[in-house]
Amino acid sequence: MALNLNKNLKAYYSIKEVAEMFNITEATLRYWETEFPFLKPRTTSNKTRQYQEKDIEDIRMIYNLIKVRGFKIAAARKMIHANRAGVEHQAKIMERLTDIKSQLVELKDALDKIV
């Protein structure tokens, strides 16, 4: 059996870890859970939220609509309901473009140090 290096070894993330990933507050995540019914992280017996990769992908999609593109909550909910696949695809594209931009900035900084 081949070793999968791309597989994330962590199955669950705490609300604090997820909030830090997106640079938002834990309260924002809890609020989004009330506004987007499909966002349901696993909860333990003591009500601790545990987010899986699927939950993080949903949060990435919501984050892209609300924080990046400036949609209101109701508009974001309506857009996801109307075309979820398209919204997910756009969120992935935005994430990739952001990664490319940061790589280009790092490359420019490295070149500036050489010159």
PDB file of N, CA and C in Angstrom:
ATOM      1  N   MET A   1       0.840  -1.177   0.000  1.00  0.00           N
ATOM      2  CA  MET A   1       0.000   0.000   0.000  1.00  0.00           C
ATOM      3  C   MET A   1       0.885   1.239   0.000  1.00  0.00           C
ATOM      4  N   ALA A   2       0.601   2.181  -0.876  1.00  0.00           N
ATOM      5  CA  ALA A   2       1.414   3.389  -1.008  1.00  0.00           C
ATOM      6  C   ALA A   2       1.051   4.398   0.075  1.00  0.00           C
ATOM      7  N   LEU A   3       2.031   5.146   0.484  1.00  0.00           N
ATOM      8  CA  LEU A   3       1.847   6.184   1.479  1.00  0.00           C
ATOM      9  C   LEU A   3       1.267   7.427   0.798  1.00  0.00           C
ATOM     10  N   ASN A   4       0.178   7.930   1.320  1.00  0.00           N
ATOM     11  CA  ASN A   4      -0.459   9.124   0.764  1.00  0.00           C
ATOM     12  C   ASN A   4       0.058  10.336   1.525  1.00  0.00           C
ATOM     13  N   LEU A   5       0.959  11.092   0.902  1.00  0.00           N
ATOM     14  CA  LEU A   5       1.556  12.244   1.561  1.00  0.00           C
ATOM     15  C   LEU A   5       0.626  13.444   1.613  1.00  0.00           C
ATOM     16  N   ASN A   6      -0.371  13.493   0.744  1.00  0.00           N
ATOM     17  CA  ASN A   6      -1.285  14.632   0.704  1.00  0.00           C
ATOM     18  C   ASN A   6      -2.413  14.518   1.724  1.00  0.00           C
ATOM     19  N   LYS A   7      -2.594  13.365   2.294  1.00  0.00           N
ATOM     20  CA  LYS A   7      -3.677  13.154   3.240  1.00  0.00           C
ATOM     21  C   LYS A   7      -3.362  13.845   4.553  1.00  0.00           C
ATOM     22  N   ASN A   8      -4.328  14.590   5.035  1.00  0.00           N
ATOM     23  CA  ASN A   8      -4.167  15.261   6.312  1.00  0.00           C
ATOM     24  C   ASN A   8      -4.336  14.218   7.419  1.00  0.00           C
ATOM     25  N   LEU A   9      -3.416  14.194   8.355  1.00  0.00           N
ATOM     26  CA  LEU A   9      -3.447  13.181   9.399  1.00  0.00           C
ATOM     27  C   LEU A   9      -4.428  13.512  10.519  1.00  0.00           C
ATOM     28  N   LYS A  10      -4.870  14.731  10.603  1.00  0.00           N
ATOM     29  CA  LYS A  10      -5.772  15.138  11.668  1.00  0.00           C
ATOM     30  C   LYS A  10      -7.215  14.988  11.201  1.00  0.00           C
ATOM     31  N   ALA A  11      -8.017  14.265  11.969  1.00  0.00           N
ATOM     32  CA  ALA A  11      -9.406  14.022  11.574  1.00  0.00           C
ATOM     33  C   ALA A  11     -10.337  15.143  12.026  1.00  0.00           C
ATOM     34  N   TYR A  12     -10.059  15.739  13.177  1.00  0.00           N
ATOM     35  CA  TYR A  12     -10.936  16.769  13.726  1.00  0.00           C
ATOM     36  C   TYR A  12     -10.134  17.982  14.170  1.00  0.00           C
ATOM     37  N   TYR A  13     -10.755  19.156  13.997  1.00  0.00           N
ATOM     38  CA  TYR A  13     -10.144  20.420  14.398  1.00  0.00           C
ATOM     39  C   TYR A  13     -11.059  21.101  15.406  1.00  0.00           C
ATOM     40  N   SER A  14     -10.484  21.798  16.361  1.00  0.00           N
ATOM     41  CA  SER A  14     -11.276  22.535  17.336  1.00  0.00           C
ATOM     42  C   SER A  14     -11.785  23.825  16.710  1.00  0.00           C
ATOM     43  N   ILE A  15     -12.751  24.445  17.351  1.00  0.00           N
ATOM     44  CA  ILE A  15     -13.292  25.697  16.839  1.00  0.00           C
ATOM     45  C   ILE A  15     -12.206  26.775  16.833  1.00  0.00           C
ATOM     46  N   LYS A  16     -11.313  26.726  17.810  1.00  0.00           N
ATOM     47  CA  LYS A  16     -10.220  27.700  17.877  1.00  0.00           C
ATOM     48  C   LYS A  16      -9.282  27.547  16.674  1.00  0.00           C
ATOM     49  N   GLU A  17      -8.944  26.317  16.339  1.00  0.00           N
ATOM     50  CA  GLU A  17      -8.058  26.064  15.196  1.00  0.00           C
ATOM     51  C   GLU A  17      -8.690  26.537  13.886  1.00  0.00           C
ATOM     52  N   VAL A  18      -9.982  26.264  13.724  1.00  0.00           N
ATOM     53  CA  VAL A  18     -10.669  26.648  12.495  1.00  0.00           C
ATOM     54  C   VAL A  18     -10.785  28.169  12.411  1.00  0.00           C
ATOM     55  N   ALA A  19     -11.091  28.813  13.521  1.00  0.00           N
ATOM     56  CA  ALA A  19     -11.179  30.271  13.535  1.00  0.00           C
ATOM     57  C   ALA A  19      -9.837  30.897  13.153  1.00  0.00           C
ATOM     58  N   GLU A  20      -8.753  30.325  13.639  1.00  0.00           N
ATOM     59  CA  GLU A  20      -7.420  30.832  13.297  1.00  0.00           C
ATOM     60  C   GLU A  20      -7.092  30.618  11.822  1.00  0.00           C
ATOM     61  N   MET A  21      -7.563  29.514  11.249  1.00  0.00           N
ATOM     62  CA  MET A  21      -7.325  29.242   9.825  1.00  0.00           C
ATOM     63  C   MET A  21      -7.865  30.361   8.950  1.00  0.00           C
ATOM     64  N   PHE A  22      -9.014  30.910   9.344  1.00  0.00           N
ATOM     65  CA  PHE A  22      -9.689  31.914   8.531  1.00  0.00           C
ATOM     66  C   PHE A  22      -9.566  33.329   9.099  1.00  0.00           C
ATOM     67  N   ASN A  23      -8.871  33.457  10.207  1.00  0.00           N
ATOM     68  CA  ASN A  23      -8.679  34.750  10.856  1.00  0.00           C
ATOM     69  C   ASN A  23     -10.029  35.403  11.192  1.00  0.00           C
ATOM     70  N   ILE A  24     -10.913  34.599  11.784  1.00  0.00           N
ATOM     71  CA  ILE A  24     -12.212  35.082  12.236  1.00  0.00           C
ATOM     72  C   ILE A  24     -12.384  34.645  13.683  1.00  0.00           C
ATOM     73  N   THR A  25     -13.412  35.142  14.330  1.00  0.00           N
ATOM     74  CA  THR A  25     -13.635  34.781  15.729  1.00  0.00           C
ATOM     75  C   THR A  25     -14.422  33.475  15.840  1.00  0.00           C
ATOM     76  N   GLU A  26     -14.323  32.870  16.992  1.00  0.00           N
ATOM     77  CA  GLU A  26     -15.093  31.654  17.261  1.00  0.00           C
ATOM     78  C   GLU A  26     -16.584  31.970  17.255  1.00  0.00           C
ATOM     79  N   ALA A  27     -16.937  33.162  17.720  1.00  0.00           N
ATOM     80  CA  ALA A  27     -18.347  33.581  17.724  1.00  0.00           C
ATOM     81  C   ALA A  27     -18.890  33.658  16.295  1.00  0.00           C
ATOM     82  N   THR A  28     -18.058  34.097  15.365  1.00  0.00           N
ATOM     83  CA  THR A  28     -18.488  34.151  13.959  1.00  0.00           C
ATOM     84  C   THR A  28     -18.811  32.757  13.453  1.00  0.00           C
ATOM     85  N   LEU A  29     -17.971  31.792  13.781  1.00  0.00           N
ATOM     86  CA  LEU A  29     -18.245  30.404  13.364  1.00  0.00           C
ATOM     87  C   LEU A  29     -19.543  29.894  13.971  1.00  0.00           C
ATOM     88  N   ARG A  30     -19.744  30.158  15.254  1.00  0.00           N
ATOM     89  CA  ARG A  30     -20.980  29.705  15.895  1.00  0.00           C
ATOM     90  C   ARG A  30     -22.198  30.371  15.244  1.00  0.00           C
ATOM     91  N   TYR A  31     -22.062  31.649  14.893  1.00  0.00           N
ATOM     92  CA  TYR A  31     -23.165  32.359  14.232  1.00  0.00           C
ATOM     93  C   TYR A  31     -23.445  31.765  12.857  1.00  0.00           C
ATOM     94  N   TRP A  32     -22.393  31.499  12.103  1.00  0.00           N
ATOM     95  CA  TRP A  32     -22.588  30.902  10.776  1.00  0.00           C
ATOM     96  C   TRP A  32     -23.288  29.555  10.876  1.00  0.00           C
ATOM     97  N   GLU A  33     -23.047  28.812  11.941  1.00  0.00           N
ATOM     98  CA  GLU A  33     -23.727  27.524  12.126  1.00  0.00           C
ATOM     99  C   GLU A  33     -25.235  27.724  12.255  1.00  0.00           C
ATOM    100  N   THR A  34     -25.649  28.845  12.842  1.00  0.00           N
ATOM    101  CA  THR A  34     -27.089  29.107  12.972  1.00  0.00           C
ATOM    102  C   THR A  34     -27.686  29.587  11.659  1.00  0.00           C
ATOM    103  N   GLU A  35     -26.894  30.256  10.831  1.00  0.00           N
ATOM    104  CA  GLU A  35     -27.391  30.828   9.586  1.00  0.00           C
ATOM    105  C   GLU A  35     -27.330  29.869   8.387  1.00  0.00           C
ATOM    106  N   PHE A  36     -26.432  28.912   8.438  1.00  0.00           N
ATOM    107  CA  PHE A  36     -26.260  27.958   7.342  1.00  0.00           C
ATOM    108  C   PHE A  36     -26.510  26.548   7.896  1.00  0.00           C
ATOM    109  N   PRO A  37     -27.700  26.017   7.667  1.00  0.00           N
ATOM    110  CA  PRO A  37     -28.089  24.738   8.291  1.00  0.00           C
ATOM    111  C   PRO A  37     -27.205  23.554   7.907  1.00  0.00           C
ATOM    112  N   PHE A  38     -26.529  23.611   6.772  1.00  0.00           N
ATOM    113  CA  PHE A  38     -25.670  22.501   6.363  1.00  0.00           C
ATOM    114  C   PHE A  38     -24.354  22.475   7.138  1.00  0.00           C
ATOM    115  N   LEU A  39     -24.033  23.541   7.832  1.00  0.00           N
ATOM    116  CA  LEU A  39     -22.792  23.613   8.608  1.00  0.00           C
ATOM    117  C   LEU A  39     -23.052  23.063  10.003  1.00  0.00           C
ATOM    118  N   LYS A  40     -22.769  21.792  10.168  1.00  0.00           N
ATOM    119  CA  LYS A  40     -23.036  21.101  11.432  1.00  0.00           C
ATOM    120  C   LYS A  40     -21.799  20.308  11.862  1.00  0.00           C
ATOM    121  N   PRO A  41     -20.898  20.926  12.625  1.00  0.00           N
ATOM    122  CA  PRO A  41     -19.748  20.161  13.089  1.00  0.00           C
ATOM    123  C   PRO A  41     -20.177  19.120  14.121  1.00  0.00           C
ATOM    124  N   ARG A  42     -19.357  18.124  14.262  1.00  0.00           N
ATOM    125  CA  ARG A  42     -19.610  17.082  15.247  1.00  0.00           C
ATOM    126  C   ARG A  42     -19.451  17.698  16.628  1.00  0.00           C
ATOM    127  N   THR A  43     -20.302  17.295  17.563  1.00  0.00           N
ATOM    128  CA  THR A  43     -20.163  17.771  18.939  1.00  0.00           C
ATOM    129  C   THR A  43     -19.973  16.575  19.859  1.00  0.00           C
ATOM    130  N   THR A  44     -19.110  16.757  20.839  1.00  0.00           N
ATOM    131  CA  THR A  44     -18.859  15.708  21.823  1.00  0.00           C
ATOM    132  C   THR A  44     -19.911  15.794  22.922  1.00  0.00           C
ATOM    133  N   SER A  45     -19.821  14.890  23.880  1.00  0.00           N
ATOM    134  CA  SER A  45     -20.800  14.860  24.967  1.00  0.00           C
ATOM    135  C   SER A  45     -20.776  16.144  25.798  1.00  0.00           C
ATOM    136  N   ASN A  46     -19.641  16.810  25.858  1.00  0.00           N
ATOM    137  CA  ASN A  46     -19.569  18.069  26.613  1.00  0.00           C
ATOM    138  C   ASN A  46     -19.711  19.290  25.701  1.00  0.00           C
ATOM    139  N   LYS A  47     -20.344  19.106  24.536  1.00  0.00           N
ATOM    140  CA  LYS A  47     -20.688  20.178  23.584  1.00  0.00           C
ATOM    141  C   LYS A  47     -19.480  20.855  22.931  1.00  0.00           C
ATOM    142  N   THR A  48     -18.357  20.173  22.865  1.00  0.00           N
ATOM    143  CA  THR A  48     -17.188  20.691  22.170  1.00  0.00           C
ATOM    144  C   THR A  48     -17.352  20.421  20.685  1.00  0.00           C
ATOM    145  N   ARG A  49     -17.173  21.468  19.874  1.00  0.00           N
ATOM    146  CA  ARG A  49     -17.305  21.313  18.429  1.00  0.00           C
ATOM    147  C   ARG A  49     -16.032  20.690  17.854  1.00  0.00           C
ATOM    148  N   GLN A  50     -16.230  19.766  16.917  1.00  0.00           N
ATOM    149  CA  GLN A  50     -15.115  19.140  16.221  1.00  0.00           C
ATOM    150  C   GLN A  50     -15.404  19.220  14.721  1.00  0.00           C
ATOM    151  N   TYR A  51     -14.557  19.973  14.025  1.00  0.00           N
ATOM    152  CA  TYR A  51     -14.744  20.202  12.594  1.00  0.00           C
ATOM    153  C   TYR A  51     -13.924  19.208  11.778  1.00  0.00           C
ATOM    154  N   GLN A  52     -14.543  18.639  10.753  1.00  0.00           N
ATOM    155  CA  GLN A  52     -13.862  17.755   9.819  1.00  0.00           C
ATOM    156  C   GLN A  52     -13.512  18.549   8.563  1.00  0.00           C
ATOM    157  N   GLU A  53     -12.770  17.920   7.653  1.00  0.00           N
ATOM    158  CA  GLU A  53     -12.364  18.591   6.414  1.00  0.00           C
ATOM    159  C   GLU A  53     -13.566  19.102   5.624  1.00  0.00           C
ATOM    160  N   LYS A  54     -14.661  18.343   5.583  1.00  0.00           N
ATOM    161  CA  LYS A  54     -15.863  18.765   4.861  1.00  0.00           C
ATOM    162  C   LYS A  54     -16.424  20.047   5.470  1.00  0.00           C
ATOM    163  N   ASP A  55     -16.426  20.126   6.800  1.00  0.00           N
ATOM    164  CA  ASP A  55     -16.897  21.340   7.473  1.00  0.00           C
ATOM    165  C   ASP A  55     -16.011  22.533   7.115  1.00  0.00           C
ATOM    166  N   ILE A  56     -14.717  22.304   7.055  1.00  0.00           N
ATOM    167  CA  ILE A  56     -13.778  23.372   6.729  1.00  0.00           C
ATOM    168  C   ILE A  56     -13.984  23.835   5.295  1.00  0.00           C
ATOM    169  N   GLU A  57     -14.276  22.917   4.384  1.00  0.00           N
ATOM    170  CA  GLU A  57     -14.575  23.300   3.006  1.00  0.00           C
ATOM    171  C   GLU A  57     -15.847  24.151   2.940  1.00  0.00           C
ATOM    172  N   ASP A  58     -16.857  23.784   3.730  1.00  0.00           N
ATOM    173  CA  ASP A  58     -18.086  24.577   3.784  1.00  0.00           C
ATOM    174  C   ASP A  58     -17.799  25.976   4.335  1.00  0.00           C
ATOM    175  N   ILE A  59     -16.978  26.051   5.368  1.00  0.00           N
ATOM    176  CA  ILE A  59     -16.614  27.345   5.949  1.00  0.00           C
ATOM    177  C   ILE A  59     -15.829  28.167   4.938  1.00  0.00           C
ATOM    178  N   ARG A  60     -14.943  27.526   4.192  1.00  0.00           N
ATOM    179  CA  ARG A  60     -14.172  28.235   3.156  1.00  0.00           C
ATOM    180  C   ARG A  60     -15.123  28.851   2.119  1.00  0.00           C
ATOM    181  N   MET A  61     -16.149  28.116   1.746  1.00  0.00           N
ATOM    182  CA  MET A  61     -17.123  28.601   0.782  1.00  0.00           C
ATOM    183  C   MET A  61     -17.888  29.804   1.360  1.00  0.00           C
ATOM    184  N   ILE A  62     -18.330  29.693   2.596  1.00  0.00           N
ATOM    185  CA  ILE A  62     -19.055  30.785   3.253  1.00  0.00           C
ATOM    186  C   ILE A  62     -18.137  31.993   3.421  1.00  0.00           C
ATOM    187  N   TYR A  63     -16.917  31.764   3.860  1.00  0.00           N
ATOM    188  CA  TYR A  63     -15.942  32.838   4.049  1.00  0.00           C
ATOM    189  C   TYR A  63     -15.710  33.592   2.744  1.00  0.00           C
ATOM    190  N   ASN A  64     -15.567  32.841   1.656  1.00  0.00           N
ATOM    191  CA  ASN A  64     -15.342  33.464   0.352  1.00  0.00           C
ATOM    192  C   ASN A  64     -16.503  34.386  -0.021  1.00  0.00           C
ATOM    193  N   LEU A  65     -17.718  33.929   0.193  1.00  0.00           N
ATOM    194  CA  LEU A  65     -18.874  34.752  -0.162  1.00  0.00           C
ATOM    195  C   LEU A  65     -19.014  35.978   0.735  1.00  0.00           C
ATOM    196  N   ILE A  66     -18.845  35.790   2.042  1.00  0.00           N
ATOM    197  CA  ILE A  66     -19.122  36.876   2.982  1.00  0.00           C
ATOM    198  C   ILE A  66     -17.932  37.806   3.170  1.00  0.00           C
ATOM    199  N   LYS A  67     -16.788  37.253   3.463  1.00  0.00           N
ATOM    200  CA  LYS A  67     -15.629  38.087   3.800  1.00  0.00           C
ATOM    201  C   LYS A  67     -14.856  38.564   2.574  1.00  0.00           C
ATOM    202  N   VAL A  68     -14.721  37.727   1.561  1.00  0.00           N
ATOM    203  CA  VAL A  68     -13.932  38.095   0.384  1.00  0.00           C
ATOM    204  C   VAL A  68     -14.782  38.872  -0.617  1.00  0.00           C
ATOM    205  N   ARG A  69     -15.945  38.345  -0.932  1.00  0.00           N
ATOM    206  CA  ARG A  69     -16.774  38.956  -1.979  1.00  0.00           C
ATOM    207  C   ARG A  69     -17.782  39.960  -1.442  1.00  0.00           C
ATOM    208  N   GLY A  70     -17.987  40.016  -0.126  1.00  0.00           N
ATOM    209  CA  GLY A  70     -18.827  41.042   0.488  1.00  0.00           C
ATOM    210  C   GLY A  70     -20.318  40.794   0.460  1.00  0.00           C
ATOM    211  N   PHE A  71     -20.750  39.555   0.301  1.00  0.00           N
ATOM    212  CA  PHE A  71     -22.176  39.246   0.310  1.00  0.00           C
ATOM    213  C   PHE A  71     -22.727  39.360   1.724  1.00  0.00           C
ATOM    214  N   LYS A  72     -23.998  39.704   1.825  1.00  0.00           N
ATOM    215  CA  LYS A  72     -24.717  39.633   3.099  1.00  0.00           C
ATOM    216  C   LYS A  72     -25.055  38.165   3.352  1.00  0.00           C
ATOM    217  N   ILE A  73     -25.371  37.841   4.593  1.00  0.00           N
ATOM    218  CA  ILE A  73     -25.666  36.452   4.974  1.00  0.00           C
ATOM    219  C   ILE A  73     -26.799  35.874   4.118  1.00  0.00           C
ATOM    220  N   ALA A  74     -27.890  36.612   4.004  1.00  0.00           N
ATOM    221  CA  ALA A  74     -29.044  36.106   3.249  1.00  0.00           C
ATOM    222  C   ALA A  74     -28.691  35.874   1.781  1.00  0.00           C
ATOM    223  N   ALA A  75     -27.915  36.778   1.203  1.00  0.00           N
ATOM    224  CA  ALA A  75     -27.523  36.626  -0.203  1.00  0.00           C
ATOM    225  C   ALA A  75     -26.595  35.431  -0.371  1.00  0.00           C
ATOM    226  N   ALA A  76     -25.695  35.234   0.575  1.00  0.00           N
ATOM    227  CA  ALA A  76     -24.782  34.089   0.514  1.00  0.00           C
ATOM    228  C   ALA A  76     -25.572  32.787   0.624  1.00  0.00           C
ATOM    229  N   ARG A  77     -26.524  32.741   1.545  1.00  0.00           N
ATOM    230  CA  ARG A  77     -27.353  31.545   1.712  1.00  0.00           C
ATOM    231  C   ARG A  77     -28.130  31.246   0.431  1.00  0.00           C
ATOM    232  N   LYS A  78     -28.696  32.294  -0.175  1.00  0.00           N
ATOM    233  CA  LYS A  78     -29.467  32.137  -1.414  1.00  0.00           C
ATOM    234  C   LYS A  78     -28.574  31.649  -2.556  1.00  0.00           C
ATOM    235  N   MET A  79     -27.389  32.198  -2.639  1.00  0.00           N
ATOM    236  CA  MET A  79     -26.466  31.812  -3.713  1.00  0.00           C
ATOM    237  C   MET A  79     -26.032  30.346  -3.556  1.00  0.00           C
ATOM    238  N   ILE A  80     -25.750  29.933  -2.335  1.00  0.00           N
ATOM    239  CA  ILE A  80     -25.357  28.537  -2.093  1.00  0.00           C
ATOM    240  C   ILE A  80     -26.520  27.607  -2.429  1.00  0.00           C
ATOM    241  N   HIS A  81     -27.719  28.005  -2.053  1.00  0.00           N
ATOM    242  CA  HIS A  81     -28.892  27.173  -2.330  1.00  0.00           C
ATOM    243  C   HIS A  81     -29.139  27.045  -3.837  1.00  0.00           C
ATOM    244  N   ALA A  82     -28.920  28.120  -4.571  1.00  0.00           N
ATOM    245  CA  ALA A  82     -29.183  28.119  -6.010  1.00  0.00           C
ATOM    246  C   ALA A  82     -28.121  27.366  -6.810  1.00  0.00           C
ATOM    247  N   ASN A  83     -26.850  27.486  -6.406  1.00  0.00           N
ATOM    248  CA  ASN A  83     -25.772  26.890  -7.203  1.00  0.00           C
ATOM    249  C   ASN A  83     -24.580  26.545  -6.319  1.00  0.00           C
ATOM    250  N   ARG A  84     -24.739  25.557  -5.476  1.00  0.00           N
ATOM    251  CA  ARG A  84     -23.690  25.191  -4.531  1.00  0.00           C
ATOM    252  C   ARG A  84     -22.402  24.773  -5.239  1.00  0.00           C
ATOM    253  N   ALA A  85     -22.509  23.973  -6.283  1.00  0.00           N
ATOM    254  CA  ALA A  85     -21.308  23.495  -6.986  1.00  0.00           C
ATOM    255  C   ALA A  85     -20.521  24.661  -7.568  1.00  0.00           C
ATOM    256  N   GLY A  86     -21.216  25.624  -8.142  1.00  0.00           N
ATOM    257  CA  GLY A  86     -20.547  26.793  -8.697  1.00  0.00           C
ATOM    258  C   GLY A  86     -19.866  27.628  -7.632  1.00  0.00           C
ATOM    259  N   VAL A  87     -20.517  27.789  -6.490  1.00  0.00           N
ATOM    260  CA  VAL A  87     -19.952  28.563  -5.382  1.00  0.00           C
ATOM    261  C   VAL A  87     -18.718  27.861  -4.830  1.00  0.00           C
ATOM    262  N   GLU A  88     -18.787  26.534  -4.680  1.00  0.00           N
ATOM    263  CA  GLU A  88     -17.626  25.778  -4.194  1.00  0.00           C
ATOM    264  C   GLU A  88     -16.455  25.924  -5.163  1.00  0.00           C
ATOM    265  N   HIS A  89     -16.744  25.846  -6.440  1.00  0.00           N
ATOM    266  CA  HIS A  89     -15.697  25.977  -7.459  1.00  0.00           C
ATOM    267  C   HIS A  89     -15.057  27.363  -7.400  1.00  0.00           C
ATOM    268  N   GLN A  90     -15.866  28.396  -7.273  1.00  0.00           N
ATOM    269  CA  GLN A  90     -15.343  29.756  -7.176  1.00  0.00           C
ATOM    270  C   GLN A  90     -14.489  29.940  -5.929  1.00  0.00           C
ATOM    271  N   ALA A  91     -14.890  29.325  -4.816  1.00  0.00           N
ATOM    272  CA  ALA A  91     -14.107  29.430  -3.576  1.00  0.00           C
ATOM    273  C   ALA A  91     -12.741  28.771  -3.744  1.00  0.00           C
ATOM    274  N   LYS A  92     -12.712  27.629  -4.418  1.00  0.00           N
ATOM    275  CA  LYS A  92     -11.438  26.948  -4.660  1.00  0.00           C
ATOM    276  C   LYS A  92     -10.536  27.776  -5.576  1.00  0.00           C
ATOM    277  N   ILE A  93     -11.139  28.406  -6.578  1.00  0.00           N
ATOM    278  CA  ILE A  93     -10.362  29.257  -7.477  1.00  0.00           C
ATOM    279  C   ILE A  93      -9.782  30.444  -6.712  1.00  0.00           C
ATOM    280  N   MET A  94     -10.594  31.073  -5.875  1.00  0.00           N
ATOM    281  CA  MET A  94     -10.116  32.223  -5.091  1.00  0.00           C
ATOM    282  C   MET A  94      -8.980  31.822  -4.150  1.00  0.00           C
ATOM    283  N   GLU A  95      -9.103  30.653  -3.543  1.00  0.00           N
ATOM    284  CA  GLU A  95      -8.049  30.183  -2.649  1.00  0.00           C
ATOM    285  C   GLU A  95      -6.758  29.951  -3.425  1.00  0.00           C
ATOM    286  N   ARG A  96      -6.868  29.343  -4.567  1.00  0.00           N
ATOM    287  CA  ARG A  96      -5.680  29.072  -5.396  1.00  0.00           C
ATOM    288  C   ARG A  96      -5.030  30.370  -5.863  1.00  0.00           C
ATOM    289  N   LEU A  97      -5.846  31.332  -6.293  1.00  0.00           N
ATOM    290  CA  LEU A  97      -5.312  32.619  -6.726  1.00  0.00           C
ATOM    291  C   LEU A  97      -4.623  33.357  -5.574  1.00  0.00           C
ATOM    292  N   THR A  98      -5.186  33.257  -4.392  1.00  0.00           N
ATOM    293  CA  THR A  98      -4.565  33.875  -3.220  1.00  0.00           C
ATOM    294  C   THR A  98      -3.217  33.231  -2.920  1.00  0.00           C
ATOM    295  N   ASP A  99      -3.145  31.906  -3.034  1.00  0.00           N
ATOM    296  CA  ASP A  99      -1.873  31.203  -2.837  1.00  0.00           C
ATOM    297  C   ASP A  99      -0.840  31.640  -3.867  1.00  0.00           C
ATOM    298  N   ILE A 100      -1.258  31.743  -5.111  1.00  0.00           N
ATOM    299  CA  ILE A 100      -0.344  32.155  -6.178  1.00  0.00           C
ATOM    300  C   ILE A 100       0.153  33.577  -5.920  1.00  0.00           C
ATOM    301  N   LYS A 101      -0.753  34.458  -5.495  1.00  0.00           N
ATOM    302  CA  LYS A 101      -0.365  35.840  -5.210  1.00  0.00           C
ATOM    303  C   LYS A 101       0.687  35.890  -4.105  1.00  0.00           C
ATOM    304  N   SER A 102       0.483  35.120  -3.041  1.00  0.00           N
ATOM    305  CA  SER A 102       1.457  35.136  -1.941  1.00  0.00           C
ATOM    306  C   SER A 102       2.800  34.566  -2.390  1.00  0.00           C
ATOM    307  N   GLN A 103       2.783  33.554  -3.244  1.00  0.00           N
ATOM    308  CA  GLN A 103       4.033  33.002  -3.779  1.00  0.00           C
ATOM    309  C   GLN A 103       4.752  34.029  -4.642  1.00  0.00           C
ATOM    310  N   LEU A 104       3.998  34.778  -5.442  1.00  0.00           N
ATOM    311  CA  LEU A 104       4.603  35.804  -6.280  1.00  0.00           C
ATOM    312  C   LEU A 104       5.194  36.937  -5.441  1.00  0.00           C
ATOM    313  N   VAL A 105       4.518  37.303  -4.364  1.00  0.00           N
ATOM    314  CA  VAL A 105       5.044  38.343  -3.473  1.00  0.00           C
ATOM    315  C   VAL A 105       6.346  37.869  -2.832  1.00  0.00           C
ATOM    316  N   GLU A 106       6.381  36.612  -2.389  1.00  0.00           N
ATOM    317  CA  GLU A 106       7.605  36.058  -1.811  1.00  0.00           C
ATOM    318  C   GLU A 106       8.732  36.037  -2.835  1.00  0.00           C
ATOM    319  N   LEU A 107       8.423  35.670  -4.047  1.00  0.00           N
ATOM    320  CA  LEU A 107       9.411  35.636  -5.120  1.00  0.00           C
ATOM    321  C   LEU A 107       9.939  37.040  -5.415  1.00  0.00           C
ATOM    322  N   LYS A 108       9.048  38.005  -5.459  1.00  0.00           N
ATOM    323  CA  LYS A 108       9.454  39.395  -5.695  1.00  0.00           C
ATOM    324  C   LYS A 108      10.369  39.878  -4.569  1.00  0.00           C
ATOM    325  N   ASP A 109      10.016  39.573  -3.329  1.00  0.00           N
ATOM    326  CA  ASP A 109      10.848  39.973  -2.194  1.00  0.00           C
ATOM    327  C   ASP A 109      12.235  39.343  -2.270  1.00  0.00           C
ATOM    328  N   ALA A 110      12.273  38.072  -2.659  1.00  0.00           N
ATOM    329  CA  ALA A 110      13.570  37.387  -2.805  1.00  0.00           C
ATOM    330  C   ALA A 110      14.407  38.025  -3.910  1.00  0.00           C
ATOM    331  N   LEU A 111      13.753  38.376  -5.013  1.00  0.00           N
ATOM    332  CA  LEU A 111      14.475  39.028  -6.122  1.00  0.00           C
ATOM    333  C   LEU A 111      14.953  40.422  -5.725  1.00  0.00           C
ATOM    334  N   ASP A 112      14.155  41.144  -4.953  1.00  0.00           N
ATOM    335  CA  ASP A 112      14.548  42.472  -4.495  1.00  0.00           C
ATOM    336  C   ASP A 112      15.793  42.407  -3.594  1.00  0.00           C
ATOM    337  N   LYS A 113      15.914  41.341  -2.826  1.00  0.00           N
ATOM    338  CA  LYS A 113      17.089  41.179  -1.959  1.00  0.00           C
ATOM    339  C   LYS A 113      18.347  40.903  -2.756  1.00  0.00           C
ATOM    340  N   ILE A 114      18.172  40.250  -3.896  1.00  0.00           N
ATOM    341  CA  ILE A 114      19.324  39.936  -4.744  1.00  0.00           C
ATOM    342  C   ILE A 114      19.837  41.194  -5.427  1.00  0.00           C
ATOM    343  N   VAL A 115      18.942  42.016  -5.883  1.00  0.00           N
ATOM    344  CA  VAL A 115      19.311  43.221  -6.654  1.00  0.00           C
ATOM    345  C   VAL A 115      19.693  44.357  -5.786  1.00  0.00           C
TER     346      VAL A 115
END
